């Protein structure tokens, strides 16, 4: 019988929170130059990422791990989309980011 891991524990939510926080730091260090056409796109992506990340913190503070987990996953989806499209320069880091073609 296969054991199903369907509980969002303190450890799991803390891990996702830290991974997302680390990814945000990395992408903010890999922004396109201000004069680049991608600068405005990066800003739009960052607004979405920051909003979902802040929502996750609010949900965590309320003990709502389900919505916190969902918000962190939405934030990371935006992060990965930006990295995959080349909006954020994350180098060759295909461990934290989805870069495969």
N, C-alpha and C. Protein backbone atom coordinates (compact mmCIF):
# COMPACT_ATOMS: atom_id res chain seq x y z
N UNK A 1 0.83 -1.18 0.00
CA UNK A 1 0.00 0.00 0.00
C UNK A 1 0.88 1.25 0.00
N UNK A 2 0.53 2.22 -0.81
CA UNK A 2 1.27 3.46 -0.92
C UNK A 2 0.79 4.43 0.15
N UNK A 3 1.76 4.99 0.89
CA UNK A 3 1.42 5.97 1.91
C UNK A 3 1.29 7.34 1.25
N UNK A 4 0.20 8.03 1.53
CA UNK A 4 -0.05 9.34 0.94
C UNK A 4 0.31 10.42 1.95
N UNK A 5 1.11 11.37 1.51
CA UNK A 5 1.52 12.50 2.35
C UNK A 5 0.57 13.66 2.05
N UNK A 6 -0.50 13.76 2.81
CA UNK A 6 -1.52 14.78 2.50
C UNK A 6 -1.72 15.78 3.63
N UNK A 7 -0.69 15.96 4.45
CA UNK A 7 -0.79 16.90 5.56
C UNK A 7 0.26 17.99 5.37
N UNK A 8 -0.17 19.24 5.49
CA UNK A 8 0.76 20.36 5.40
C UNK A 8 1.23 20.65 6.83
N UNK A 9 2.40 20.14 7.15
CA UNK A 9 2.95 20.27 8.49
C UNK A 9 3.69 21.60 8.64
N UNK A 10 4.02 21.94 9.88
CA UNK A 10 4.84 23.13 10.13
C UNK A 10 6.14 23.04 9.34
N UNK A 11 6.75 21.85 9.38
CA UNK A 11 8.03 21.66 8.69
C UNK A 11 7.89 21.87 7.18
N UNK A 12 6.82 21.34 6.61
CA UNK A 12 6.61 21.46 5.16
C UNK A 12 6.37 22.92 4.76
N UNK A 13 5.51 23.63 5.49
CA UNK A 13 5.21 25.01 5.13
C UNK A 13 6.44 25.90 5.33
N UNK A 14 7.23 25.63 6.38
CA UNK A 14 8.46 26.39 6.60
C UNK A 14 9.45 26.16 5.47
N UNK A 15 9.54 24.91 4.99
CA UNK A 15 10.43 24.58 3.89
C UNK A 15 10.02 25.32 2.62
N UNK A 16 8.75 25.30 2.29
CA UNK A 16 8.26 25.99 1.10
C UNK A 16 8.44 27.50 1.22
N UNK A 17 8.20 28.02 2.41
CA UNK A 17 8.37 29.46 2.65
C UNK A 17 9.83 29.86 2.43
N UNK A 18 10.76 29.10 2.99
CA UNK A 18 12.19 29.41 2.85
C UNK A 18 12.67 29.25 1.42
N UNK A 19 12.22 28.20 0.74
CA UNK A 19 12.60 28.00 -0.68
C UNK A 19 12.11 29.16 -1.54
N UNK A 20 10.89 29.61 -1.29
CA UNK A 20 10.33 30.72 -2.08
C UNK A 20 11.07 32.01 -1.77
N UNK A 21 11.33 32.25 -0.49
CA UNK A 21 12.07 33.45 -0.08
C UNK A 21 13.46 33.48 -0.73
N UNK A 22 14.14 32.34 -0.74
CA UNK A 22 15.46 32.23 -1.36
C UNK A 22 15.37 32.50 -2.87
N UNK A 23 14.37 31.96 -3.53
CA UNK A 23 14.19 32.18 -4.97
C UNK A 23 13.92 33.64 -5.28
N UNK A 24 13.14 34.31 -4.44
CA UNK A 24 12.86 35.74 -4.63
C UNK A 24 14.15 36.54 -4.56
N UNK A 25 15.00 36.23 -3.61
CA UNK A 25 16.29 36.93 -3.49
C UNK A 25 17.11 36.73 -4.76
N UNK A 26 17.13 35.51 -5.26
CA UNK A 26 17.91 35.21 -6.47
C UNK A 26 17.37 35.99 -7.67
N UNK A 27 16.06 35.97 -7.88
CA UNK A 27 15.53 36.65 -9.07
C UNK A 27 15.67 38.17 -8.97
N UNK A 28 15.60 38.71 -7.76
CA UNK A 28 15.77 40.16 -7.60
C UNK A 28 17.21 40.58 -7.90
N UNK A 29 18.15 39.64 -7.81
CA UNK A 29 19.53 39.92 -8.19
C UNK A 29 19.77 39.68 -9.68
N UNK A 30 18.77 39.15 -10.38
CA UNK A 30 18.92 38.85 -11.81
C UNK A 30 17.89 39.58 -12.66
N UNK A 31 17.56 40.81 -12.25
CA UNK A 31 16.58 41.59 -13.01
C UNK A 31 17.19 42.15 -14.29
N UNK A 32 16.37 42.34 -15.32
CA UNK A 32 16.89 42.96 -16.54
C UNK A 32 17.23 44.43 -16.28
N UNK A 33 18.11 45.00 -17.09
CA UNK A 33 18.45 46.42 -16.93
C UNK A 33 17.19 47.29 -17.06
N UNK A 34 17.17 48.42 -16.36
CA UNK A 34 16.00 49.30 -16.38
C UNK A 34 15.61 49.74 -17.78
N UNK A 35 16.57 49.91 -18.67
CA UNK A 35 16.27 50.37 -20.03
C UNK A 35 15.79 49.23 -20.93
N UNK A 36 15.85 48.02 -20.44
CA UNK A 36 15.40 46.86 -21.22
C UNK A 36 13.88 46.86 -21.33
N UNK A 37 13.39 46.36 -22.45
CA UNK A 37 11.94 46.20 -22.61
C UNK A 37 11.37 45.21 -21.60
N UNK A 38 12.21 44.30 -21.12
CA UNK A 38 11.75 43.31 -20.14
C UNK A 38 11.67 43.87 -18.72
N UNK A 39 12.19 45.06 -18.50
CA UNK A 39 12.17 45.63 -17.16
C UNK A 39 10.74 45.80 -16.64
N UNK A 40 9.85 46.32 -17.47
CA UNK A 40 8.46 46.49 -17.05
C UNK A 40 7.78 45.15 -16.82
N UNK A 41 8.10 44.18 -17.66
CA UNK A 41 7.53 42.83 -17.49
C UNK A 41 8.01 42.24 -16.16
N UNK A 42 9.30 42.39 -15.88
CA UNK A 42 9.86 41.89 -14.62
C UNK A 42 9.17 42.55 -13.44
N UNK A 43 8.92 43.84 -13.53
CA UNK A 43 8.23 44.56 -12.45
C UNK A 43 6.83 44.00 -12.24
N UNK A 44 6.12 43.74 -13.33
CA UNK A 44 4.78 43.16 -13.22
C UNK A 44 4.83 41.78 -12.56
N UNK A 45 5.79 40.96 -12.98
CA UNK A 45 5.95 39.64 -12.38
C UNK A 45 6.25 39.77 -10.89
N UNK A 46 7.15 40.69 -10.53
CA UNK A 46 7.51 40.86 -9.12
C UNK A 46 6.33 41.29 -8.27
N UNK A 47 5.46 42.12 -8.82
CA UNK A 47 4.27 42.53 -8.08
C UNK A 47 3.43 41.29 -7.75
N UNK A 48 3.22 40.44 -8.73
CA UNK A 48 2.44 39.23 -8.50
C UNK A 48 3.12 38.30 -7.49
N UNK A 49 4.42 38.13 -7.65
CA UNK A 49 5.19 37.26 -6.75
C UNK A 49 5.12 37.79 -5.33
N UNK A 50 5.37 39.08 -5.16
CA UNK A 50 5.35 39.68 -3.82
C UNK A 50 3.96 39.62 -3.19
N UNK A 51 2.92 39.83 -3.99
CA UNK A 51 1.56 39.77 -3.46
C UNK A 51 1.22 38.37 -2.96
N UNK A 52 1.53 37.36 -3.75
CA UNK A 52 1.26 35.99 -3.32
C UNK A 52 2.11 35.61 -2.11
N UNK A 53 3.36 36.07 -2.08
CA UNK A 53 4.24 35.77 -0.95
C UNK A 53 3.71 36.42 0.33
N UNK A 54 3.28 37.67 0.22
CA UNK A 54 2.71 38.36 1.39
C UNK A 54 1.40 37.70 1.82
N UNK A 55 0.59 37.28 0.85
CA UNK A 55 -0.64 36.55 1.19
C UNK A 55 -0.29 35.29 1.98
N UNK A 56 0.75 34.58 1.55
CA UNK A 56 1.16 33.36 2.24
C UNK A 56 1.52 33.66 3.69
N UNK A 57 2.25 34.75 3.92
CA UNK A 57 2.62 35.12 5.29
C UNK A 57 1.38 35.40 6.13
N UNK A 58 0.42 36.09 5.54
CA UNK A 58 -0.83 36.40 6.25
C UNK A 58 -1.57 35.11 6.61
N UNK A 59 -1.66 34.20 5.65
CA UNK A 59 -2.33 32.92 5.91
C UNK A 59 -1.59 32.11 6.98
N UNK A 60 -0.25 32.11 6.93
CA UNK A 60 0.53 31.38 7.93
C UNK A 60 0.24 31.95 9.32
N UNK A 61 0.24 33.28 9.41
CA UNK A 61 -0.03 33.93 10.70
C UNK A 61 -1.40 33.55 11.25
N UNK A 62 -2.35 33.30 10.36
CA UNK A 62 -3.70 32.90 10.77
C UNK A 62 -3.82 31.39 11.02
N UNK A 63 -2.75 30.65 10.72
CA UNK A 63 -2.79 29.20 10.87
C UNK A 63 -3.47 28.50 9.71
N UNK A 64 -3.71 29.21 8.62
CA UNK A 64 -4.37 28.65 7.43
C UNK A 64 -3.29 28.14 6.48
N UNK A 65 -2.80 26.94 6.76
CA UNK A 65 -1.70 26.39 5.99
C UNK A 65 -2.11 26.00 4.57
N UNK A 66 -3.34 25.66 4.37
CA UNK A 66 -3.79 25.27 3.03
C UNK A 66 -3.68 26.46 2.07
N UNK A 67 -4.23 27.60 2.46
CA UNK A 67 -4.15 28.78 1.58
C UNK A 67 -2.74 29.36 1.54
N UNK A 68 -1.99 29.22 2.62
CA UNK A 68 -0.59 29.66 2.61
C UNK A 68 0.20 28.83 1.60
N UNK A 69 0.00 27.51 1.63
CA UNK A 69 0.67 26.60 0.71
C UNK A 69 0.29 26.93 -0.74
N UNK A 70 -0.99 27.18 -0.97
CA UNK A 70 -1.46 27.54 -2.31
C UNK A 70 -0.81 28.84 -2.77
N UNK A 71 -0.76 29.83 -1.88
CA UNK A 71 -0.16 31.13 -2.24
C UNK A 71 1.32 31.00 -2.56
N UNK A 72 2.03 30.19 -1.79
CA UNK A 72 3.45 29.98 -2.06
C UNK A 72 3.65 29.29 -3.41
N UNK A 73 2.76 28.38 -3.74
CA UNK A 73 2.87 27.71 -5.03
C UNK A 73 2.55 28.65 -6.19
N UNK A 74 1.58 29.54 -6.00
CA UNK A 74 1.32 30.54 -7.03
C UNK A 74 2.52 31.46 -7.20
N UNK A 75 3.10 31.91 -6.09
CA UNK A 75 4.28 32.78 -6.16
C UNK A 75 5.40 32.07 -6.92
N UNK A 76 5.62 30.80 -6.60
CA UNK A 76 6.71 30.07 -7.25
C UNK A 76 6.40 29.82 -8.72
N UNK A 77 5.13 29.69 -9.05
CA UNK A 77 4.75 29.55 -10.46
C UNK A 77 5.16 30.79 -11.26
N UNK A 78 4.92 31.96 -10.69
CA UNK A 78 5.34 33.20 -11.34
C UNK A 78 6.86 33.28 -11.42
N UNK A 79 7.54 32.86 -10.36
CA UNK A 79 9.00 32.86 -10.35
C UNK A 79 9.53 31.96 -11.47
N UNK A 80 9.03 30.74 -11.53
CA UNK A 80 9.48 29.79 -12.56
C UNK A 80 9.15 30.28 -13.96
N UNK A 81 7.98 30.87 -14.14
CA UNK A 81 7.63 31.39 -15.47
C UNK A 81 8.61 32.48 -15.88
N UNK A 82 8.93 33.38 -14.96
CA UNK A 82 9.88 34.46 -15.26
C UNK A 82 11.26 33.93 -15.56
N UNK A 83 11.69 32.93 -14.81
CA UNK A 83 13.01 32.33 -15.05
C UNK A 83 13.02 31.61 -16.39
N UNK A 84 11.98 30.86 -16.66
CA UNK A 84 11.91 30.07 -17.90
C UNK A 84 11.87 30.96 -19.13
N UNK A 85 11.17 32.10 -19.03
CA UNK A 85 11.06 33.03 -20.16
C UNK A 85 12.30 33.91 -20.30
N UNK A 86 13.21 33.87 -19.34
CA UNK A 86 14.41 34.69 -19.40
C UNK A 86 14.21 36.10 -18.86
N UNK A 87 13.10 36.33 -18.18
CA UNK A 87 12.84 37.64 -17.58
C UNK A 87 13.77 37.85 -16.40
N UNK A 88 14.01 36.78 -15.64
CA UNK A 88 14.94 36.81 -14.52
C UNK A 88 16.15 35.96 -14.87
N UNK A 89 17.34 36.51 -14.68
CA UNK A 89 18.56 35.76 -14.94
C UNK A 89 18.90 34.95 -13.69
N UNK A 90 18.70 33.65 -13.79
CA UNK A 90 19.02 32.75 -12.68
C UNK A 90 20.19 31.84 -13.02
N UNK A 91 20.92 32.22 -14.06
CA UNK A 91 22.06 31.42 -14.48
C UNK A 91 21.60 30.05 -14.96
N UNK A 92 22.35 29.05 -14.60
CA UNK A 92 22.02 27.67 -14.99
C UNK A 92 21.39 26.89 -13.84
N UNK A 93 20.82 27.58 -12.89
CA UNK A 93 20.27 26.94 -11.69
C UNK A 93 18.97 26.21 -12.02
N UNK A 94 19.13 24.96 -12.44
CA UNK A 94 17.95 24.17 -12.78
C UNK A 94 17.51 23.27 -11.61
N UNK A 95 18.05 23.56 -10.42
CA UNK A 95 17.59 22.87 -9.22
C UNK A 95 16.44 23.67 -8.59
N UNK A 96 16.63 24.98 -8.47
CA UNK A 96 15.60 25.84 -7.89
C UNK A 96 14.54 26.29 -8.92
N UNK A 97 14.94 26.30 -10.19
CA UNK A 97 14.09 26.86 -11.23
C UNK A 97 13.90 25.87 -12.37
N UNK A 98 12.75 25.97 -13.05
CA UNK A 98 12.45 25.10 -14.18
C UNK A 98 13.01 25.75 -15.45
N UNK A 99 14.15 25.26 -15.90
CA UNK A 99 14.80 25.86 -17.06
C UNK A 99 14.85 24.94 -18.26
N UNK A 100 14.49 23.69 -18.11
CA UNK A 100 14.61 22.73 -19.20
C UNK A 100 13.74 23.12 -20.38
N UNK A 101 14.26 22.88 -21.58
CA UNK A 101 13.51 23.17 -22.79
C UNK A 101 12.59 22.03 -23.08
